[in-house]
Amino acid sequence: MAQTPSAPDLIPAADGSVPIKLLHDRVLVRIDAPDGERRSGGGILIPATAAVGKRLAWAQAVAIGPLVRGVQVGDQVLFEPEERSEVEIRGVPYILLRERDIHAVAASRVAEDGTGLYL
């Protein structure tokens, strides 16, 4: 009787990183804020049903492949939410991106270069 393979038993570390080996130029990210209501800079509540234009999203890199050069685990990355592949590990949703799909990197290590964003 053949057994069906199950998802690997991957427990995220305290810093949010995941013990997984990605291939090539892949970056695994986790979005901290769920989709839904949000607040503007002035404190106005914007409902989830409000029509907005195309928005980029920020997420934290939790694992990177061996060919990734501009992103490190723990960096905040800016990407296009429509161009993504989702995966769930132990009930936590993650997004798998290619490095070329990342528009910017925000991390303290790039702060001395000026804006704090690697564009």
Protein backbone atom coordinates (compact mmCIF):
# COMPACT_ATOMS: atom_id res chain seq x y z
CA MET A 1 0.00 0.00 0.00
CA ALA A 2 1.62 3.27 -1.12
CA GLN A 3 1.62 6.17 1.27
CA THR A 4 0.90 9.65 0.05
CA PRO A 5 3.68 12.12 0.81
CA SER A 6 2.83 14.72 3.42
CA ALA A 7 4.12 18.24 3.86
CA PRO A 8 7.53 18.45 5.55
CA ASP A 9 7.58 19.12 9.28
CA LEU A 10 9.09 22.62 9.16
CA ILE A 11 8.87 24.69 12.32
CA PRO A 12 9.66 28.42 11.86
CA ALA A 13 12.42 29.76 14.12
CA ALA A 14 11.84 32.62 16.57
CA ASP A 15 13.08 35.15 13.96
CA GLY A 16 10.54 33.83 11.43
CA SER A 17 13.09 32.01 9.25
CA VAL A 18 12.13 28.60 7.92
CA PRO A 19 14.46 25.56 7.76
CA ILE A 20 14.04 24.94 4.05
CA LYS A 21 16.50 24.90 1.15
CA LEU A 22 15.25 26.90 -1.79
CA LEU A 23 16.66 26.40 -5.26
CA HIS A 24 18.09 28.92 -7.70
CA ASP A 25 16.91 32.55 -7.29
CA ARG A 26 13.85 31.85 -5.15
CA VAL A 27 12.88 33.90 -2.07
CA LEU A 28 10.30 32.67 0.46
CA VAL A 29 8.50 35.55 2.20
CA ARG A 30 5.83 35.98 4.86
CA ILE A 31 3.41 38.89 4.91
CA ASP A 32 2.99 40.11 8.47
CA ALA A 33 -0.20 42.14 8.04
CA PRO A 34 -3.22 40.22 6.80
CA ASP A 35 -5.29 41.59 3.92
CA GLY A 36 -8.28 43.54 5.09
CA GLU A 37 -8.86 46.81 6.85
CA ARG A 38 -5.92 49.18 7.15
CA ARG A 39 -5.28 52.70 8.40
CA SER A 40 -4.01 55.67 6.44
CA GLY A 41 -1.09 57.78 7.66
CA GLY A 42 -3.64 60.16 9.23
CA GLY A 43 -5.39 57.36 11.11
CA ILE A 44 -8.43 56.99 8.83
CA LEU A 45 -9.78 53.42 8.67
CA ILE A 46 -9.86 52.11 5.09
CA PRO A 47 -12.18 49.07 4.71
CA ALA A 48 -11.04 45.95 2.88
CA THR A 49 -13.75 46.49 0.26
CA ALA A 50 -12.41 49.93 -0.78
CA ALA A 51 -11.29 50.01 -4.40
CA VAL A 52 -7.62 50.81 -4.70
CA GLY A 53 -5.25 50.80 -7.62
CA LYS A 54 -2.48 48.31 -8.09
CA ARG A 55 -0.56 48.19 -4.79
CA LEU A 56 2.81 46.68 -4.03
CA ALA A 57 3.19 44.78 -0.76
CA TRP A 58 5.93 44.44 1.88
CA ALA A 59 6.92 41.07 3.32
CA GLN A 60 9.77 39.56 5.34
CA ALA A 61 12.22 37.19 3.64
CA VAL A 62 12.36 33.93 5.63
CA ALA A 63 14.46 31.77 3.26
CA ILE A 64 16.56 32.38 0.14
CA GLY A 65 18.04 30.27 -2.62
CA PRO A 66 21.78 29.99 -3.37
CA LEU A 67 21.68 32.37 -6.37
CA VAL A 68 20.00 35.24 -4.51
CA ARG A 69 22.44 38.15 -4.21
CA GLY A 70 20.48 41.21 -3.04
CA VAL A 71 18.28 39.80 -0.28
CA GLN A 72 19.10 38.26 3.09
CA VAL A 73 16.87 36.40 5.53
CA GLY A 74 15.11 38.97 7.70
CA ASP A 75 15.02 41.73 5.05
CA GLN A 76 11.77 43.47 4.18
CA VAL A 77 11.06 43.16 0.45
CA LEU A 78 8.64 45.02 -1.83
CA PHE A 79 6.87 42.97 -4.50
CA GLU A 80 3.80 42.78 -6.75
CA PRO A 81 1.13 40.73 -4.89
CA GLU A 82 -0.58 39.53 -8.09
CA GLU A 83 2.59 37.78 -9.32
CA ARG A 84 3.07 35.17 -6.63
CA SER A 85 2.89 31.52 -5.73
CA GLU A 86 1.51 30.70 -2.30
CA VAL A 87 2.41 27.79 -0.06
CA GLU A 88 1.27 26.90 3.44
CA ILE A 89 3.71 25.39 5.95
CA ARG A 90 2.28 24.21 9.28
CA GLY A 91 -0.74 26.47 8.85
CA VAL A 92 1.32 29.60 8.09
CA PRO A 93 0.91 31.11 4.59
CA TYR A 94 4.08 32.01 2.67
CA ILE A 95 4.75 33.43 -0.79
CA LEU A 96 7.42 32.12 -3.15
CA LEU A 97 9.04 34.77 -5.38
CA ARG A 98 11.91 35.01 -7.83
CA GLU A 99 14.54 37.58 -6.91
CA ARG A 100 13.81 39.48 -10.13
CA ASP A 101 10.20 40.00 -8.95
CA ILE A 102 11.38 41.98 -5.91
CA HIS A 103 11.34 45.75 -6.46
CA ALA A 104 13.11 46.95 -3.30
CA VAL A 105 14.85 45.73 -0.14
CA ALA A 106 14.62 47.52 3.21
CA ALA A 107 17.15 46.49 5.86
CA SER A 108 19.38 48.19 8.41
CA ARG A 109 22.47 46.95 6.52
CA VAL A 110 21.60 49.15 3.52
CA ALA A 111 20.64 52.21 5.62
CA GLU A 112 24.07 53.85 5.34
CA ASP A 113 23.63 54.02 1.55
CA GLY A 114 21.01 56.77 1.87
CA THR A 115 17.34 55.89 1.61
CA GLY A 116 17.46 52.46 3.27
CA LEU A 117 16.01 50.90 0.13
CA TYR A 118 18.03 48.90 -2.35
CA LEU A 119 16.48 49.75 -5.72
